[in-house]
Each structure stands twice: as C-alpha cells, then as structure tokens.
Amino acid sequence: ALSDRIAIMNGGDVVQVGSPLALYERPATDFVA
C-alpha cells in the first residue's frame, strides 16, 4: 500500500527489489512469491 519500491530481505540478503506490482506479478523466487 505504501511503497514506491520494496526491497525484500531474507537471511540478511536483499533477494529482490522492485515496484509492488512488479514483485507481485514477477517474483524472482518462490520465497518472494
């Protein structure tokens, strides 16, 4: 709801960065999805 971009973190790593729509529609990993 808030973000221009989101950086998703897991285990100390940034695993994907993008707009909310891009991350929701095209996740890079099944964790992000």
PDB file of all heavy atoms in Angstrom:
ATOM      1  N   ALA A   1       0.808  -1.217   0.000  1.00  0.00           N
ATOM      2  CA  ALA A   1       0.000   0.000   0.000  1.00  0.00           C
ATOM      3  C   ALA A   1       0.844   1.270   0.000  1.00  0.00           C
ATOM      4  O   ALA A   1       0.440   2.284  -0.587  1.00  0.00           O
ATOM      5  CB  ALA A   1      -0.931   0.003   1.219  1.00  0.00           C
ATOM      6  N   LEU A   2       2.012   1.244   0.628  1.00  0.00           N
ATOM      7  CA  LEU A   2       2.776   2.467   0.866  1.00  0.00           C
ATOM      8  C   LEU A   2       3.889   2.736  -0.141  1.00  0.00           C
ATOM      9  O   LEU A   2       4.215   3.880  -0.409  1.00  0.00           O
ATOM     10  CB  LEU A   2       3.405   2.418   2.262  1.00  0.00           C
ATOM     11  CG  LEU A   2       2.473   2.558   3.458  1.00  0.00           C
ATOM     12  CD1 LEU A   2       3.236   2.313   4.754  1.00  0.00           C
ATOM     13  CD2 LEU A   2       1.831   3.936   3.477  1.00  0.00           C
ATOM     14  N   SER A   3       4.479   1.703  -0.695  1.00  0.00           N
ATOM     15  CA  SER A   3       5.817   1.826  -1.275  1.00  0.00           C
ATOM     16  C   SER A   3       5.842   2.234  -2.747  1.00  0.00           C
ATOM     17  O   SER A   3       4.991   1.813  -3.533  1.00  0.00           O
ATOM     18  CB  SER A   3       6.551   0.486  -1.139  1.00  0.00           C
ATOM     19  OG  SER A   3       6.452  -0.030   0.166  1.00  0.00           O
ATOM     20  N   ASP A   4       6.866   3.012  -3.097  1.00  0.00           N
ATOM     21  CA  ASP A   4       7.245   3.166  -4.497  1.00  0.00           C
ATOM     22  C   ASP A   4       8.024   1.934  -4.944  1.00  0.00           C
ATOM     23  O   ASP A   4       7.824   1.423  -6.038  1.00  0.00           O
ATOM     24  CB  ASP A   4       8.112   4.415  -4.696  1.00  0.00           C
ATOM     25  CG  ASP A   4       7.363   5.691  -4.378  1.00  0.00           C
ATOM     26  OD1 ASP A   4       6.173   5.784  -4.729  1.00  0.00           O
ATOM     27  OD2 ASP A   4       7.960   6.592  -3.760  1.00  0.00           O
ATOM     28  N   ARG A   5       8.932   1.490  -4.084  1.00  0.00           N
ATOM     29  CA  ARG A   5       9.664   0.243  -4.321  1.00  0.00           C
ATOM     30  C   ARG A   5       9.778  -0.528  -3.013  1.00  0.00           C
ATOM     31  O   ARG A   5       9.752   0.059  -1.931  1.00  0.00           O
ATOM     32  CB  ARG A   5      11.066   0.508  -4.866  1.00  0.00           C
ATOM     33  CG  ARG A   5      11.110   0.987  -6.310  1.00  0.00           C
ATOM     34  CD  ARG A   5      12.529   1.015  -6.861  1.00  0.00           C
ATOM     35  NE  ARG A   5      13.397   1.858  -6.039  1.00  0.00           N
ATOM     36  CZ  ARG A   5      14.653   1.533  -5.706  1.00  0.00           C
ATOM     37  NH1 ARG A   5      15.178   0.392  -6.087  1.00  0.00           N
ATOM     38  NH2 ARG A   5      15.367   2.364  -4.976  1.00  0.00           N
ATOM     39  N   ILE A   6       9.925  -1.846  -3.137  1.00  0.00           N
ATOM     40  CA  ILE A   6      10.086  -2.729  -1.988  1.00  0.00           C
ATOM     41  C   ILE A   6      11.378  -3.511  -2.167  1.00  0.00           C
ATOM     42  O   ILE A   6      11.647  -4.034  -3.255  1.00  0.00           O
ATOM     43  CB  ILE A   6       8.907  -3.702  -1.859  1.00  0.00           C
ATOM     44  CG1 ILE A   6       7.583  -2.944  -1.683  1.00  0.00           C
ATOM     45  CG2 ILE A   6       9.121  -4.668  -0.693  1.00  0.00           C
ATOM     46  CD1 ILE A   6       6.354  -3.843  -1.769  1.00  0.00           C
ATOM     47  N   ALA A   7      12.175  -3.587  -1.091  1.00  0.00           N
ATOM     48  CA  ALA A   7      13.344  -4.467  -1.060  1.00  0.00           C
ATOM     49  C   ALA A   7      13.016  -5.622  -0.121  1.00  0.00           C
ATOM     50  O   ALA A   7      12.849  -5.413   1.081  1.00  0.00           O
ATOM     51  CB  ALA A   7      14.580  -3.712  -0.579  1.00  0.00           C
ATOM     52  N   ILE A   8      12.895  -6.815  -0.675  1.00  0.00           N
ATOM     53  CA  ILE A   8      12.555  -7.980   0.136  1.00  0.00           C
ATOM     54  C   ILE A   8      13.830  -8.608   0.659  1.00  0.00           C
ATOM     55  O   ILE A   8      14.758  -8.905  -0.103  1.00  0.00           O
ATOM     56  CB  ILE A   8      11.733  -8.988  -0.675  1.00  0.00           C
ATOM     57  CG1 ILE A   8      10.395  -8.355  -1.070  1.00  0.00           C
ATOM     58  CG2 ILE A   8      11.500 -10.268   0.119  1.00  0.00           C
ATOM     59  CD1 ILE A   8       9.451  -9.277  -1.784  1.00  0.00           C
ATOM     60  N   MET A   9      13.874  -8.812   1.996  1.00  0.00           N
ATOM     61  CA  MET A   9      15.059  -9.350   2.648  1.00  0.00           C
ATOM     62  C   MET A   9      14.752 -10.717   3.250  1.00  0.00           C
ATOM     63  O   MET A   9      13.639 -10.988   3.702  1.00  0.00           O
ATOM     64  CB  MET A   9      15.563  -8.401   3.744  1.00  0.00           C
ATOM     65  CG  MET A   9      15.976  -7.038   3.247  1.00  0.00           C
ATOM     66  SD  MET A   9      16.847  -6.046   4.510  1.00  0.00           S
ATOM     67  CE  MET A   9      18.406  -6.965   4.643  1.00  0.00           C
ATOM     68  N   ASN A  10      15.779 -11.566   3.243  1.00  0.00           N
ATOM     69  CA  ASN A  10      15.674 -12.878   3.867  1.00  0.00           C
ATOM     70  C   ASN A  10      17.064 -13.343   4.253  1.00  0.00           C
ATOM     71  O   ASN A  10      17.976 -13.331   3.420  1.00  0.00           O
ATOM     72  CB  ASN A  10      15.033 -13.883   2.908  1.00  0.00           C
ATOM     73  CG  ASN A  10      14.720 -15.204   3.576  1.00  0.00           C
ATOM     74  OD1 ASN A  10      14.346 -15.244   4.749  1.00  0.00           O
ATOM     75  ND2 ASN A  10      14.863 -16.295   2.843  1.00  0.00           N
ATOM     76  N   GLY A  11      17.243 -13.705   5.511  1.00  0.00           N
ATOM     77  CA  GLY A  11      18.533 -14.198   5.970  1.00  0.00           C
ATOM     78  C   GLY A  11      19.672 -13.217   5.803  1.00  0.00           C
ATOM     79  O   GLY A  11      20.822 -13.612   5.568  1.00  0.00           O
ATOM     80  N   GLY A  12      19.377 -11.912   5.918  1.00  0.00           N
ATOM     81  CA  GLY A  12      20.415 -10.890   5.788  1.00  0.00           C
ATOM     82  C   GLY A  12      20.670 -10.428   4.369  1.00  0.00           C
ATOM     83  O   GLY A  12      21.442  -9.491   4.150  1.00  0.00           O
ATOM     84  N   ASP A  13      20.035 -11.055   3.390  1.00  0.00           N
ATOM     85  CA  ASP A  13      20.228 -10.708   1.979  1.00  0.00           C
ATOM     86  C   ASP A  13      19.025  -9.941   1.444  1.00  0.00           C
ATOM     87  O   ASP A  13      17.887 -10.193   1.853  1.00  0.00           O
ATOM     88  CB  ASP A  13      20.412 -11.961   1.123  1.00  0.00           C
ATOM     89  CG  ASP A  13      21.634 -12.769   1.508  1.00  0.00           C
ATOM     90  OD1 ASP A  13      22.693 -12.155   1.689  1.00  0.00           O
ATOM     91  OD2 ASP A  13      21.519 -14.007   1.626  1.00  0.00           O
ATOM     92  N   VAL A  14      19.278  -9.048   0.490  1.00  0.00           N
ATOM     93  CA  VAL A  14      18.207  -8.465  -0.310  1.00  0.00           C
ATOM     94  C   VAL A  14      18.006  -9.391  -1.503  1.00  0.00           C
ATOM     95  O   VAL A  14      18.888  -9.536  -2.347  1.00  0.00           O
ATOM     96  CB  VAL A  14      18.548  -7.040  -0.774  1.00  0.00           C
ATOM     97  CG1 VAL A  14      17.520  -6.554  -1.796  1.00  0.00           C
ATOM     98  CG2 VAL A  14      18.576  -6.082   0.409  1.00  0.00           C
ATOM     99  N   VAL A  15      16.848 -10.049  -1.566  1.00  0.00           N
ATOM    100  CA  VAL A  15      16.641 -11.068  -2.588  1.00  0.00           C
ATOM    101  C   VAL A  15      15.971 -10.523  -3.846  1.00  0.00           C
ATOM    102  O   VAL A  15      16.114 -11.099  -4.929  1.00  0.00           O
ATOM    103  CB  VAL A  15      15.831 -12.259  -2.031  1.00  0.00           C
ATOM    104  CG1 VAL A  15      16.642 -12.992  -0.982  1.00  0.00           C
ATOM    105  CG2 VAL A  15      14.503 -11.816  -1.446  1.00  0.00           C
ATOM    106  N   GLN A  16      15.240  -9.404  -3.733  1.00  0.00           N
ATOM    107  CA  GLN A  16      14.660  -8.772  -4.910  1.00  0.00           C
ATOM    108  C   GLN A  16      14.206  -7.368  -4.558  1.00  0.00           C
ATOM    109  O   GLN A  16      13.725  -7.122  -3.451  1.00  0.00           O
ATOM    110  CB  GLN A  16      13.479  -9.585  -5.464  1.00  0.00           C
ATOM    111  CG  GLN A  16      13.008  -9.106  -6.839  1.00  0.00           C
ATOM    112  CD  GLN A  16      11.909  -9.980  -7.428  1.00  0.00           C
ATOM    113  OE1 GLN A  16      11.483 -10.956  -6.823  1.00  0.00           O
ATOM    114  NE2 GLN A  16      11.437  -9.638  -8.621  1.00  0.00           N
ATOM    115  N   VAL A  17      14.374  -6.455  -5.506  1.00  0.00           N
ATOM    116  CA  VAL A  17      13.936  -5.061  -5.344  1.00  0.00           C
ATOM    117  C   VAL A  17      13.097  -4.689  -6.556  1.00  0.00           C
ATOM    118  O   VAL A  17      13.452  -4.996  -7.694  1.00  0.00           O
ATOM    119  CB  VAL A  17      15.139  -4.097  -5.235  1.00  0.00           C
ATOM    120  CG1 VAL A  17      14.652  -2.666  -5.020  1.00  0.00           C
ATOM    121  CG2 VAL A  17      16.076  -4.516  -4.120  1.00  0.00           C
ATOM    122  N   GLY A  18      11.971  -4.026  -6.311  1.00  0.00           N
ATOM    123  CA  GLY A  18      11.146  -3.589  -7.427  1.00  0.00           C
ATOM    124  C   GLY A  18       9.890  -2.902  -6.943  1.00  0.00           C
ATOM    125  O   GLY A  18       9.653  -2.774  -5.733  1.00  0.00           O
ATOM    126  N   SER A  19       9.076  -2.452  -7.887  1.00  0.00           N
ATOM    127  CA  SER A  19       7.793  -1.843  -7.530  1.00  0.00           C
ATOM    128  C   SER A  19       6.875  -2.920  -6.962  1.00  0.00           C
ATOM    129  O   SER A  19       7.057  -4.116  -7.233  1.00  0.00           O
ATOM    130  CB  SER A  19       7.153  -1.215  -8.760  1.00  0.00           C
ATOM    131  OG  SER A  19       6.725  -2.233  -9.665  1.00  0.00           O
ATOM    132  N   PRO A  20       5.874  -2.533  -6.157  1.00  0.00           N
ATOM    133  CA  PRO A  20       4.934  -3.539  -5.641  1.00  0.00           C
ATOM    134  C   PRO A  20       4.319  -4.397  -6.740  1.00  0.00           C
ATOM    135  O   PRO A  20       4.221  -5.619  -6.604  1.00  0.00           O
ATOM    136  CB  PRO A  20       3.885  -2.689  -4.917  1.00  0.00           C
ATOM    137  CG  PRO A  20       4.628  -1.470  -4.481  1.00  0.00           C
ATOM    138  CD  PRO A  20       5.598  -1.195  -5.595  1.00  0.00           C
ATOM    139  N   LEU A  21       3.920  -3.770  -7.847  1.00  0.00           N
ATOM    140  CA  LEU A  21       3.297  -4.519  -8.929  1.00  0.00           C
ATOM    141  C   LEU A  21       4.277  -5.501  -9.562  1.00  0.00           C
ATOM    142  O   LEU A  21       3.936  -6.661  -9.821  1.00  0.00           O
ATOM    143  CB  LEU A  21       2.755  -3.558  -9.989  1.00  0.00           C
ATOM    144  CG  LEU A  21       2.063  -4.203 -11.190  1.00  0.00           C
ATOM    145  CD1 LEU A  21       0.851  -5.012 -10.740  1.00  0.00           C
ATOM    146  CD2 LEU A  21       1.650  -3.139 -12.211  1.00  0.00           C
ATOM    147  N   ALA A  22       5.511  -5.060  -9.796  1.00  0.00           N
ATOM    148  CA  ALA A  22       6.500  -5.930 -10.428  1.00  0.00           C
ATOM    149  C   ALA A  22       6.821  -7.137  -9.549  1.00  0.00           C
ATOM    150  O   ALA A  22       6.939  -8.262 -10.042  1.00  0.00           O
ATOM    151  CB  ALA A  22       7.768  -5.141 -10.732  1.00  0.00           C
ATOM    152  N   LEU A  23       6.974  -6.905  -8.244  1.00  0.00           N
ATOM    153  CA  LEU A  23       7.288  -8.012  -7.347  1.00  0.00           C
ATOM    154  C   LEU A  23       6.121  -8.986  -7.236  1.00  0.00           C
ATOM    155  O   LEU A  23       6.325 -10.209  -7.161  1.00  0.00           O
ATOM    156  CB  LEU A  23       7.654  -7.480  -5.956  1.00  0.00           C
ATOM    157  CG  LEU A  23       8.922  -6.647  -5.857  1.00  0.00           C
ATOM    158  CD1 LEU A  23       9.179  -6.250  -4.410  1.00  0.00           C
ATOM    159  CD2 LEU A  23      10.129  -7.397  -6.393  1.00  0.00           C
ATOM    160  N   TYR A  24       4.911  -8.461  -7.203  1.00  0.00           N
ATOM    161  CA  TYR A  24       3.737  -9.322  -7.073  1.00  0.00           C
ATOM    162  C   TYR A  24       3.520 -10.148  -8.336  1.00  0.00           C
ATOM    163  O   TYR A  24       3.201 -11.336  -8.266  1.00  0.00           O
ATOM    164  CB  TYR A  24       2.508  -8.459  -6.791  1.00  0.00           C
ATOM    165  CG  TYR A  24       1.293  -9.243  -6.352  1.00  0.00           C
ATOM    166  CD1 TYR A  24       1.142  -9.647  -5.031  1.00  0.00           C
ATOM    167  CD2 TYR A  24       0.278  -9.570  -7.261  1.00  0.00           C
ATOM    168  CE1 TYR A  24       0.024 -10.356  -4.613  1.00  0.00           C
ATOM    169  CE2 TYR A  24      -0.842 -10.278  -6.858  1.00  0.00           C
ATOM    170  CZ  TYR A  24      -0.964 -10.676  -5.536  1.00  0.00           C
ATOM    171  OH  TYR A  24      -2.067 -11.388  -5.140  1.00  0.00           O
ATOM    172  N   GLU A  25       3.720  -9.515  -9.491  1.00  0.00           N
ATOM    173  CA  GLU A  25       3.462 -10.195 -10.762  1.00  0.00           C
ATOM    174  C   GLU A  25       4.640 -11.045 -11.226  1.00  0.00           C
ATOM    175  O   GLU A  25       4.438 -12.079 -11.860  1.00  0.00           O
ATOM    176  CB  GLU A  25       3.122  -9.164 -11.840  1.00  0.00           C
ATOM    177  CG  GLU A  25       1.756  -8.528 -11.673  1.00  0.00           C
ATOM    178  CD  GLU A  25       0.633  -9.499 -11.962  1.00  0.00           C
ATOM    179  OE1 GLU A  25       0.417  -9.821 -13.133  1.00  0.00           O
ATOM    180  OE2 GLU A  25      -0.021  -9.954 -10.994  1.00  0.00           O
ATOM    181  N   ARG A  26       5.869 -10.600 -10.944  1.00  0.00           N
ATOM    182  CA  ARG A  26       7.048 -11.303 -11.445  1.00  0.00           C
ATOM    183  C   ARG A  26       8.062 -11.548 -10.329  1.00  0.00           C
ATOM    184  O   ARG A  26       9.176 -11.019 -10.342  1.00  0.00           O
ATOM    185  CB  ARG A  26       7.710 -10.501 -12.570  1.00  0.00           C
ATOM    186  CG  ARG A  26       6.874 -10.423 -13.843  1.00  0.00           C
ATOM    187  CD  ARG A  26       6.855 -11.756 -14.562  1.00  0.00           C
ATOM    188  NE  ARG A  26       5.943 -11.746 -15.707  1.00  0.00           N
ATOM    189  CZ  ARG A  26       5.719 -12.800 -16.482  1.00  0.00           C
ATOM    190  NH1 ARG A  26       6.353 -13.943 -16.226  1.00  0.00           N
ATOM    191  NH2 ARG A  26       4.868 -12.735 -17.482  1.00  0.00           N
ATOM    192  N   PRO A  27       7.713 -12.357  -9.347  1.00  0.00           N
ATOM    193  CA  PRO A  27       8.680 -12.654  -8.279  1.00  0.00           C
ATOM    194  C   PRO A  27       9.866 -13.423  -8.826  1.00  0.00           C
ATOM    195  O   PRO A  27       9.723 -14.275  -9.712  1.00  0.00           O
ATOM    196  CB  PRO A  27       7.857 -13.506  -7.304  1.00  0.00           C
ATOM    197  CG  PRO A  27       6.785 -14.118  -8.145  1.00  0.00           C
ATOM    198  CD  PRO A  27       6.443 -13.099  -9.195  1.00  0.00           C
ATOM    199  N   ALA A  28      11.046 -13.134  -8.289  1.00  0.00           N
ATOM    200  CA  ALA A  28      12.265 -13.793  -8.772  1.00  0.00           C
ATOM    201  C   ALA A  28      12.432 -15.189  -8.192  1.00  0.00           C
ATOM    202  O   ALA A  28      13.109 -16.028  -8.784  1.00  0.00           O
ATOM    203  CB  ALA A  28      13.490 -12.936  -8.433  1.00  0.00           C
ATOM    204  N   THR A  29      11.855 -15.435  -7.022  1.00  0.00           N
ATOM    205  CA  THR A  29      11.994 -16.731  -6.365  1.00  0.00           C
ATOM    206  C   THR A  29      10.644 -17.135  -5.774  1.00  0.00           C
ATOM    207  O   THR A  29       9.750 -16.305  -5.600  1.00  0.00           O
ATOM    208  CB  THR A  29      13.030 -16.691  -5.231  1.00  0.00           C
ATOM    209  OG1 THR A  29      12.538 -15.849  -4.174  1.00  0.00           O
ATOM    210  CG2 THR A  29      14.377 -16.173  -5.720  1.00  0.00           C
ATOM    211  N   ASP A  30      10.523 -18.412  -5.442  1.00  0.00           N
ATOM    212  CA  ASP A  30       9.282 -18.851  -4.806  1.00  0.00           C
ATOM    213  C   ASP A  30       9.148 -18.272  -3.401  1.00  0.00           C
ATOM    214  O   ASP A  30       8.033 -18.106  -2.896  1.00  0.00           O
ATOM    215  CB  ASP A  30       9.185 -20.379  -4.787  1.00  0.00           C
ATOM    216  CG  ASP A  30      10.384 -21.051  -4.151  1.00  0.00           C
ATOM    217  OD1 ASP A  30      11.422 -20.396  -3.967  1.00  0.00           O
ATOM    218  OD2 ASP A  30      10.299 -22.252  -3.836  1.00  0.00           O
ATOM    219  N   PHE A  31      10.282 -17.920  -2.759  1.00  0.00           N
ATOM    220  CA  PHE A  31      10.194 -17.246  -1.461  1.00  0.00           C
ATOM    221  C   PHE A  31       9.510 -15.894  -1.610  1.00  0.00           C
ATOM    222  O   PHE A  31       8.609 -15.542  -0.833  1.00  0.00           O
ATOM    223  CB  PHE A  31      11.577 -17.053  -0.838  1.00  0.00           C
ATOM    224  CG  PHE A  31      11.567 -16.123   0.355  1.00  0.00           C
ATOM    225  CD1 PHE A  31      11.155 -16.582   1.597  1.00  0.00           C
ATOM    226  CD2 PHE A  31      11.925 -14.788   0.229  1.00  0.00           C
ATOM    227  CE1 PHE A  31      11.092 -15.726   2.690  1.00  0.00           C
ATOM    228  CE2 PHE A  31      11.878 -13.929   1.315  1.00  0.00           C
ATOM    229  CZ  PHE A  31      11.468 -14.404   2.554  1.00  0.00           C
ATOM    230  N   VAL A  32       9.912 -15.110  -2.609  1.00  0.00           N
ATOM    231  CA  VAL A  32       9.297 -13.802  -2.836  1.00  0.00           C
ATOM    232  C   VAL A  32       7.822 -13.972  -3.164  1.00  0.00           C
ATOM    233  O   VAL A  32       6.968 -13.252  -2.633  1.00  0.00           O
ATOM    234  CB  VAL A  32      10.017 -13.050  -3.967  1.00  0.00           C
ATOM    235  CG1 VAL A  32       9.289 -11.753  -4.313  1.00  0.00           C
ATOM    236  CG2 VAL A  32      11.459 -12.744  -3.565  1.00  0.00           C
ATOM    237  N   ALA A  33       7.502 -14.927  -4.012  1.00  0.00           N
ATOM    238  CA  ALA A  33       6.109 -15.164  -4.373  1.00  0.00           C
ATOM    239  C   ALA A  33       5.270 -15.493  -3.148  1.00  0.00           C
ATOM    240  O   ALA A  33       4.167 -14.970  -2.969  1.00  0.00           O
ATOM    241  CB  ALA A  33       6.023 -16.302  -5.389  1.00  0.00           C
TER     242      ALA A  33
END
